Amino acid sequence: MNKSDLKRDRFMLTGALGKKGYDWWWHNFTGYHRKTGEAKAFFIEYFVCNPKLGQDYPVLGQLPEHQAAGVRPSYAMLKAGTWGKDARQIHNFYPISQFSYSNKQLNIKIGASLLTEQRIKGRVKVTKEQAKDHPEYMSDAGEMSWNLAIHKKVAYHAGYGASAPFRWLHAFEMFWHAEGIKAEYSGEVILDGEAYDVIEDRSYGYADKNWGADFTSPWLWISSSNMKSMTTGKALTNSAVEFGGGKPKVWGYSLNRKLLGGFYYEGKMYDYNFSKFWTGSRVDFKFQEGTRYHTWKIRAQNHTSLLELTLRCKADEMLLINYEAPNGKKLHNRLWNGGTGYGTIRLYHKKGKEKVLIDHIEFKNAGCEYGEYGNHDKYGENEENGQYEA
């Protein structure tokens, strides 16, 4: 459903998760070089880990002495970067003493950087020497600043699984809410001294948040709001697709590999959510890691519709994105993350045993992610054709 829920966007680490939990707010969008007009995909994340364990310095979990002593990380972090030929992630860490939030609305401050529903402003910088000398930063070198207005136009509501009672009970290990599967950004990004203009109706933006006690494995994410009908040739200016999930845990019990998501097609939401069992939703997925491209395939259906999605992203335009869990472990060491994906969707209406094509759509500027725990050289090393399938 397209249902905004700003309460789910608030800071969540006020209870038991304060000592074993993370909370993050993610943004991605496209900007355009001020001189050349070249498009570039950017991402920005505001991240908080174990705030009730905070010291007057950032406690980094990947320091060898902290690993040996079992010290859990505690910090606020700014993660920012870009996808493309020079894809990179830049991390700056702050002590919890330089982090603040509001109980009533999304209003986060990390150092001098700001985050609200309508605006993000901040800066990160890591030198080549720092990146080399401090592997615990899990960071590339670079400098990036941003000052952006946000207009979140379409939300994806995950349902009761992230509702207040389930949040209070900490039922799931990883919660998710996407307040802006179609979000428009405007303003400016400066990357290594080069200015990029972010233009509202060409930003193809996205905003969501995740929080919990641990991550999921496998971990899949797909999103895009830059769409065109291949049937009519017209741009779909009120559409967005979103899928996420992997293998959720409820009260410590692992469910089977499951995704949930939806396709907001010109004002109507086609929802595929396993928690809404009465809709007959089922989502099957495959991922194949290749030398030049990585490929995602999704087949989602409910009682009344069927969606078939294929996405590709160039491997050399993606990141192996870095996170450590609140327990200090870094188990995702091959988590592919990109923002320049593209592909197609076929959307059908189900009528009995027949299916009728509603539209054949192409999409671009897609966010995409896939990872599983471990240190595999390639996914599917023990699987035929490198495919994982639900």
Protein backbone atom coordinates (compact mmCIF):
# COMPACT_ATOMS: atom_id res chain seq x y z
CA MET A 1 0.00 0.00 0.00
CA ASN A 2 1.09 3.59 -0.52
CA LYS A 3 0.84 4.58 3.12
CA SER A 4 3.03 7.17 4.73
CA ASP A 5 3.98 6.46 8.35
CA LEU A 6 6.33 9.06 9.76
CA LYS A 7 6.39 7.35 13.17
CA ARG A 8 8.36 4.51 11.59
CA ASP A 9 10.96 7.04 10.43
CA ARG A 10 11.78 8.17 13.98
CA PHE A 11 14.83 7.14 16.00
CA MET A 12 14.22 3.63 17.37
CA LEU A 13 17.13 2.84 19.73
CA THR A 14 15.50 4.05 22.93
CA GLY A 15 14.94 0.65 24.61
CA ALA A 16 16.92 -2.58 24.71
CA LEU A 17 18.23 -1.91 21.19
CA GLY A 18 20.22 0.99 22.64
CA LYS A 19 22.85 -1.53 23.77
CA LYS A 20 22.49 -3.97 20.90
CA GLY A 21 21.06 -2.24 17.90
CA TYR A 22 21.50 -0.03 14.87
CA ASP A 23 19.31 2.54 13.17
CA TRP A 24 19.96 4.08 9.78
CA TRP A 25 18.36 6.41 7.26
CA TRP A 26 19.33 5.85 3.62
CA HIS A 27 19.07 8.21 0.63
CA ASN A 28 20.09 7.78 -3.00
CA PHE A 29 19.55 9.99 -6.05
CA THR A 30 21.13 11.19 -9.31
CA GLY A 31 22.98 14.49 -9.75
CA TYR A 32 24.40 16.25 -12.80
CA HIS A 33 27.88 17.73 -13.17
CA ARG A 34 27.50 21.48 -13.21
CA LYS A 35 29.88 21.97 -16.15
CA THR A 36 29.51 18.83 -18.27
CA GLY A 37 25.98 17.70 -17.40
CA GLU A 38 27.23 14.16 -16.80
CA ALA A 39 24.89 12.13 -14.58
CA LYS A 40 26.24 10.56 -11.39
CA ALA A 41 24.47 8.40 -8.79
CA PHE A 42 25.00 9.28 -5.13
CA PHE A 43 24.06 7.80 -1.76
CA ILE A 44 24.02 9.21 1.77
CA GLU A 45 23.32 7.39 5.03
CA TYR A 46 22.99 8.50 8.64
CA PHE A 47 23.85 5.54 10.90
CA VAL A 48 23.77 5.01 14.68
CA CYS A 49 25.08 1.94 16.54
CA ASN A 50 24.65 0.99 20.22
CA PRO A 51 24.14 4.54 21.50
CA LYS A 52 23.73 3.49 25.16
CA LEU A 53 27.29 2.13 25.11
CA GLY A 54 28.65 5.47 23.96
CA GLN A 55 31.95 6.95 25.08
CA ASP A 56 33.45 10.38 24.48
CA TYR A 57 35.06 8.89 21.36
CA PRO A 58 33.73 6.61 18.59
CA VAL A 59 34.12 2.96 19.59
CA LEU A 60 35.01 1.10 16.38
CA GLY A 61 34.22 -2.59 16.34
CA GLN A 62 36.80 -3.60 13.75
CA LEU A 63 39.83 -2.47 15.78
CA PRO A 64 41.88 -5.63 16.51
CA GLU A 65 41.99 -4.91 20.24
CA HIS A 66 38.21 -4.49 20.33
CA GLN A 67 37.74 -7.70 18.35
CA ALA A 68 39.99 -9.59 20.77
CA ALA A 69 38.18 -8.21 23.82
CA GLY A 70 34.68 -8.57 22.40
CA VAL A 71 34.02 -4.82 22.66
CA ARG A 72 30.82 -3.82 20.90
CA PRO A 73 30.91 -0.76 18.61
CA SER A 74 29.21 2.49 19.59
CA TYR A 75 29.10 5.57 17.39
CA ALA A 76 27.18 7.72 14.98
CA MET A 77 28.40 7.47 11.39
CA LEU A 78 27.97 9.40 8.18
CA LYS A 79 28.29 7.20 5.10
CA ALA A 80 28.31 8.87 1.70
CA GLY A 81 29.58 8.11 -1.74
CA THR A 82 28.92 7.42 -5.36
CA TRP A 83 28.40 4.61 -7.82
CA GLY A 84 29.92 4.41 -11.29
CA LYS A 85 33.45 4.06 -12.60
CA ASP A 86 34.86 5.56 -9.39
CA ALA A 87 32.41 3.93 -6.99
CA ARG A 88 33.35 4.46 -3.36
CA GLN A 89 32.07 4.74 0.19
CA ILE A 90 33.35 7.35 2.64
CA HIS A 91 32.82 6.92 6.39
CA ASN A 92 33.16 9.49 9.17
CA PHE A 93 32.60 8.37 12.77
CA TYR A 94 31.40 10.50 15.68
CA PRO A 95 31.04 9.83 19.40
CA ILE A 96 27.48 9.45 20.68
CA SER A 97 28.01 12.74 22.53
CA GLN A 98 27.86 14.43 19.11
CA PHE A 99 24.59 12.72 18.17
CA SER A 100 21.10 13.99 19.02
CA TYR A 101 17.51 13.20 18.03
CA SER A 102 13.91 14.24 18.64
CA ASN A 103 11.26 11.97 20.17
CA LYS A 104 8.45 13.62 18.23
CA GLN A 105 9.73 13.61 14.64
CA LEU A 106 12.70 12.78 12.45
CA ASN A 107 15.30 15.34 13.50
CA ILE A 108 18.80 13.89 13.66
CA LYS A 109 22.10 15.69 14.19
CA ILE A 110 25.51 14.04 13.81
CA GLY A 111 28.18 16.65 14.44
CA ALA A 112 27.18 19.56 12.20
CA SER A 113 25.24 17.30 9.80
CA LEU A 114 21.44 17.34 9.75
CA LEU A 115 18.64 14.96 8.80
CA THR A 116 14.88 15.64 8.71
CA GLU A 117 12.02 14.42 6.52
CA GLN A 118 12.48 17.44 4.26
CA ARG A 119 16.24 18.11 4.28
CA ILE A 120 19.69 16.54 4.57
CA LYS A 121 22.92 18.48 5.00
CA GLY A 122 26.39 17.21 5.80
CA ARG A 123 29.98 16.43 4.87
CA VAL A 124 32.43 13.52 4.96
CA LYS A 125 36.18 13.43 4.34
CA VAL A 126 38.76 10.64 4.48
CA THR A 127 42.29 11.09 3.12
CA LYS A 128 44.16 8.37 1.24
CA GLU A 129 46.51 8.02 4.19
CA GLN A 130 43.64 7.61 6.65
CA ALA A 131 41.91 5.01 4.48
CA LYS A 132 45.15 3.04 4.20
CA ASP A 133 46.22 3.34 7.85
CA HIS A 134 42.79 2.69 9.39
CA PRO A 135 41.11 -0.42 7.98
CA GLU A 136 38.70 -0.22 10.92
CA TYR A 137 37.12 2.75 9.12
CA MET A 138 36.00 0.33 6.37
CA SER A 139 36.26 3.39 4.10
CA ASP A 140 37.60 4.60 0.79
CA ALA A 141 39.24 7.99 0.37
CA GLY A 142 37.35 11.06 -0.77
CA GLU A 143 35.47 14.17 0.23
CA MET A 144 31.78 14.86 -0.28
CA SER A 145 29.31 17.46 0.99
CA TRP A 146 25.58 17.86 0.39
CA ASN A 147 22.74 20.27 1.00
CA LEU A 148 19.46 18.88 -0.31
CA ALA A 149 15.72 19.33 0.00
CA ILE A 150 13.59 16.16 -0.12
CA HIS A 151 10.04 15.60 -1.33
CA LYS A 152 8.92 12.04 -0.53
CA LYS A 153 6.02 11.31 -2.90
CA VAL A 154 5.30 7.55 -2.59
CA ALA A 155 5.82 5.27 0.42
CA TYR A 156 5.96 1.50 0.73
CA HIS A 157 4.42 0.28 3.97
CA ALA A 158 5.70 -3.12 5.11
CA GLY A 159 2.58 -3.81 7.16
CA TYR A 160 2.12 -5.00 10.73
CA GLY A 161 5.62 -6.55 10.91
CA ALA A 162 7.05 -3.09 11.70
CA SER A 163 4.04 -1.86 13.68
CA ALA A 164 4.39 -0.40 17.17
CA PRO A 165 3.69 -3.66 19.11
CA PHE A 166 6.23 -5.61 17.06
CA ARG A 167 8.77 -2.80 17.43
CA TRP A 168 8.22 -2.69 21.19
CA LEU A 169 8.67 -6.48 21.44
CA HIS A 170 11.74 -6.40 19.13
CA ALA A 171 10.08 -9.25 17.25
CA PHE A 172 12.24 -9.02 14.12
CA GLU A 173 16.02 -8.82 13.97
CA MET A 174 15.82 -6.33 11.11
CA PHE A 175 12.99 -3.85 10.54
CA TRP A 176 12.36 -1.82 7.40
CA HIS A 177 10.27 1.15 6.32
CA ALA A 178 10.44 2.93 2.95
CA GLU A 179 8.90 6.38 3.29
CA GLY A 180 10.15 7.45 -0.15
CA ILE A 181 10.26 4.75 -2.83
CA LYS A 182 9.66 7.71 -5.11
CA ALA A 183 11.46 10.75 -3.66
CA GLU A 184 12.55 13.94 -5.36
CA TYR A 185 15.76 15.65 -4.25
CA SER A 186 16.99 19.13 -5.11
CA GLY A 187 20.12 21.04 -4.21
CA GLU A 188 23.85 20.52 -4.50
CA VAL A 189 26.51 17.87 -3.96
CA ILE A 190 30.24 18.60 -4.02
CA LEU A 191 32.40 15.53 -4.69
CA ASP A 192 36.16 16.05 -4.50
CA GLY A 193 35.70 19.71 -5.39
CA GLU A 194 33.38 19.08 -8.36
CA ALA A 195 29.86 20.50 -8.13
CA TYR A 196 26.78 18.48 -9.07
CA ASP A 197 23.28 19.91 -9.32
CA VAL A 198 20.46 17.71 -8.08
CA ILE A 199 17.31 18.54 -10.04
CA GLU A 200 13.98 17.55 -8.51
CA ASP A 201 12.24 15.89 -11.45
CA ARG A 202 15.44 14.23 -12.71
CA SER A 203 16.81 13.06 -9.36
CA TYR A 204 15.08 9.62 -9.40
CA GLY A 205 15.48 9.50 -5.63
CA TYR A 206 14.78 6.98 -2.91
CA ALA A 207 14.64 7.14 0.92
CA ASP A 208 14.16 4.39 3.47
CA LYS A 209 15.35 3.23 6.87
CA ASN A 210 16.41 0.00 8.55
CA TRP A 211 16.85 -0.77 12.23
CA GLY A 212 17.25 -3.77 14.50
CA ALA A 213 19.72 -5.99 16.31
CA ASP A 214 21.36 -7.64 13.29
CA PHE A 215 21.32 -7.83 9.49
CA THR A 216 19.75 -10.45 7.24
CA SER A 217 21.44 -13.02 5.03
CA PRO A 218 20.78 -13.17 2.16
CA TRP A 219 20.18 -9.44 1.82
CA LEU A 220 18.42 -8.17 -1.30
CA TRP A 221 17.19 -4.72 -2.28
CA ILE A 222 15.82 -3.31 -5.56
CA SER A 223 14.29 0.11 -6.24
CA SER A 224 13.63 2.43 -9.16
CA SER A 225 11.32 5.33 -10.01
CA ASN A 226 12.67 6.17 -13.49
CA MET A 227 10.21 4.25 -15.65
CA LYS A 228 8.80 4.20 -19.16
CA SER A 229 6.07 2.10 -20.72
CA MET A 230 7.39 0.03 -23.62
CA THR A 231 3.77 -0.49 -24.67
CA THR A 232 2.84 3.17 -25.10
CA GLY A 233 6.28 4.84 -25.14
CA LYS A 234 5.19 7.24 -22.39
CA ALA A 235 7.11 8.07 -19.23
CA LEU A 236 5.50 6.69 -16.08
CA THR A 237 5.79 9.73 -13.83
CA ASN A 238 3.75 8.31 -10.94
CA SER A 239 5.36 4.88 -10.61
CA ALA A 240 8.05 3.16 -8.52
CA VAL A 241 9.13 -0.38 -7.73
CA GLU A 242 10.56 -1.65 -4.45
CA PHE A 243 11.63 -5.07 -3.13
CA GLY A 244 13.67 -6.00 -0.08
CA GLY A 245 14.38 -8.74 2.42
CA GLY A 246 16.20 -12.04 2.49
CA LYS A 247 15.77 -14.40 5.42
CA PRO A 248 13.98 -12.62 8.27
CA LYS A 249 14.23 -13.78 11.87
CA VAL A 250 11.24 -13.51 14.19
CA TRP A 251 12.03 -13.93 17.91
CA GLY A 252 15.25 -15.68 16.85
CA TYR A 253 13.50 -18.12 14.49
CA SER A 254 14.61 -17.96 10.86
CA LEU A 255 11.87 -17.87 8.25
CA ASN A 256 12.45 -19.25 4.78
CA ARG A 257 14.00 -16.95 2.21
CA LYS A 258 11.40 -14.24 1.74
CA LEU A 259 11.10 -10.90 0.02
CA LEU A 260 8.37 -8.33 0.26
CA GLY A 261 7.75 -5.37 -1.96
CA GLY A 262 5.46 -3.64 -4.33
CA PHE A 263 5.03 -1.90 -7.64
CA TYR A 264 3.28 1.46 -7.48
CA TYR A 265 2.01 1.71 -11.06
CA GLU A 266 0.53 5.09 -12.00
CA GLY A 267 -1.36 5.52 -8.75
CA LYS A 268 -2.15 1.88 -7.90
CA MET A 269 -0.06 -0.27 -5.56
CA TYR A 270 0.49 -3.91 -6.49
CA ASP A 271 1.58 -5.34 -3.15
CA TYR A 272 3.49 -8.60 -2.64
CA ASN A 273 3.94 -9.07 1.10
CA PHE A 274 4.29 -12.53 2.65
CA SER A 275 2.95 -11.24 5.99
CA LYS A 276 -0.41 -10.49 4.32
CA PHE A 277 -1.13 -14.19 3.86
CA TRP A 278 -4.75 -13.57 2.82
CA THR A 279 -3.54 -11.98 -0.45
CA GLY A 280 -1.80 -15.16 -1.60
CA SER A 281 1.51 -13.31 -2.06
CA ARG A 282 4.61 -15.17 -3.09
CA VAL A 283 7.95 -13.78 -4.26
CA ASP A 284 10.66 -15.95 -5.84
CA PHE A 285 14.07 -14.50 -6.61
CA LYS A 286 17.41 -15.31 -8.19
CA PHE A 287 20.75 -13.56 -8.15
CA GLN A 288 23.68 -14.32 -10.43
CA GLU A 289 27.07 -12.74 -10.00
CA GLY A 290 28.89 -12.29 -13.30
CA THR A 291 32.23 -10.97 -14.45
CA ARG A 292 30.80 -7.88 -16.20
CA TYR A 293 27.23 -7.75 -14.91
CA HIS A 294 25.25 -8.93 -11.93
CA THR A 295 21.66 -10.03 -12.54
CA TRP A 296 18.57 -10.08 -10.32
CA LYS A 297 15.31 -11.81 -11.24
CA ILE A 298 12.05 -11.57 -9.33
CA ARG A 299 8.72 -13.26 -9.90
CA ALA A 300 6.05 -11.88 -7.57
CA GLN A 301 2.39 -12.80 -7.50
CA ASN A 302 -0.78 -12.56 -5.46
CA HIS A 303 -4.37 -13.58 -6.13
CA THR A 304 -4.93 -10.89 -8.75
CA SER A 305 -1.58 -9.98 -10.35
CA LEU A 306 1.81 -11.23 -11.47
CA LEU A 307 5.05 -9.27 -11.80
CA GLU A 308 8.21 -10.44 -13.57
CA LEU A 309 11.30 -8.27 -13.08
CA THR A 310 14.82 -8.57 -14.46
CA LEU A 311 17.58 -6.16 -13.41
CA ARG A 312 21.23 -5.89 -14.45
CA CYS A 313 24.00 -3.71 -13.09
CA LYS A 314 27.59 -3.36 -14.27
CA ALA A 315 29.95 -4.95 -11.76
CA ASP A 316 32.58 -2.22 -12.16
CA GLU A 317 30.02 0.45 -11.21
CA MET A 318 29.12 -1.22 -7.90
CA LEU A 319 30.55 -1.33 -4.39
CA LEU A 320 31.21 -4.09 -1.92
CA ILE A 321 29.53 -2.05 0.78
CA ASN A 322 30.74 -2.30 4.38
CA TYR A 323 28.78 -2.62 7.63
CA GLU A 324 29.58 -4.07 11.02
CA ALA A 325 26.78 -5.45 13.18
CA PRO A 326 26.03 -4.20 16.71
CA ASN A 327 27.79 -7.28 18.14
CA GLY A 328 31.01 -6.14 16.42
CA LYS A 329 31.04 -8.86 13.77
CA LYS A 330 31.43 -8.11 10.07
CA LEU A 331 29.84 -11.09 8.37
CA HIS A 332 28.75 -9.36 5.15
CA ASN A 333 32.01 -9.30 3.21
CA ARG A 334 30.53 -9.59 -0.27
CA LEU A 335 27.53 -7.31 -0.16
CA TRP A 336 27.16 -5.91 -3.67
CA ASN A 337 25.53 -2.47 -3.74
CA GLY A 338 24.80 -0.30 -6.77
CA GLY A 339 22.71 2.57 -8.08
CA THR A 340 23.03 2.38 -11.86
CA GLY A 341 20.94 -0.71 -12.49
CA TYR A 342 18.43 -1.06 -15.32
CA GLY A 343 15.90 -3.61 -16.46
CA THR A 344 12.33 -4.49 -17.36
CA ILE A 345 9.06 -5.35 -15.66
CA ARG A 346 6.13 -7.25 -17.07
CA LEU A 347 2.97 -6.67 -15.06
CA TYR A 348 -0.02 -8.97 -15.57
CA HIS A 349 -3.59 -9.15 -14.32
CA LYS A 350 -4.47 -12.70 -13.27
CA LYS A 351 -7.85 -13.92 -14.44
CA GLY A 352 -8.36 -17.47 -13.35
CA LYS A 353 -5.52 -19.48 -14.82
CA GLU A 354 -4.91 -16.87 -17.52
CA LYS A 355 -2.76 -13.76 -17.34
CA VAL A 356 -3.38 -10.52 -19.23
CA LEU A 357 -0.51 -8.09 -19.80
CA ILE A 358 -1.12 -4.73 -18.15
CA ASP A 359 2.16 -3.17 -19.24
CA HIS A 360 5.75 -3.91 -20.27
CA ILE A 361 8.02 -1.37 -18.56
CA GLU A 362 11.66 -0.42 -18.72
CA PHE A 363 13.37 1.17 -15.73
CA LYS A 364 16.73 2.87 -15.08
CA ASN A 365 18.67 4.54 -12.24
CA ALA A 366 17.90 1.52 -10.10
CA GLY A 367 19.26 0.83 -6.65
CA CYS A 368 20.27 -2.80 -6.21
CA GLU A 369 21.94 -4.94 -3.58
CA TYR A 370 22.73 -8.56 -2.83
CA GLY A 371 24.88 -10.30 -0.26
CA GLU A 372 25.19 -13.43 1.85
CA TYR A 373 27.28 -14.07 4.93
CA GLY A 374 30.69 -15.56 4.35
CA ASN A 375 33.78 -14.95 2.25
CA HIS A 376 32.81 -16.60 -1.01
CA ASP A 377 34.95 -15.67 -3.98
CA LYS A 378 31.70 -15.74 -5.93
CA TYR A 379 28.14 -16.45 -5.05
CA GLY A 380 27.05 -19.82 -6.20
CA GLU A 381 30.47 -21.41 -5.98
CA ASN A 382 28.61 -24.56 -4.99
CA GLU A 383 25.55 -23.78 -7.06
CA GLU A 384 24.93 -24.37 -10.72
CA ASN A 385 25.43 -21.20 -12.79
CA GLY A 386 26.00 -19.15 -9.64
CA GLN A 387 22.28 -18.84 -8.97
CA TYR A 388 20.48 -18.63 -5.68
CA GLU A 389 16.79 -19.25 -5.81
CA ALA A 390 14.03 -19.20 -3.24
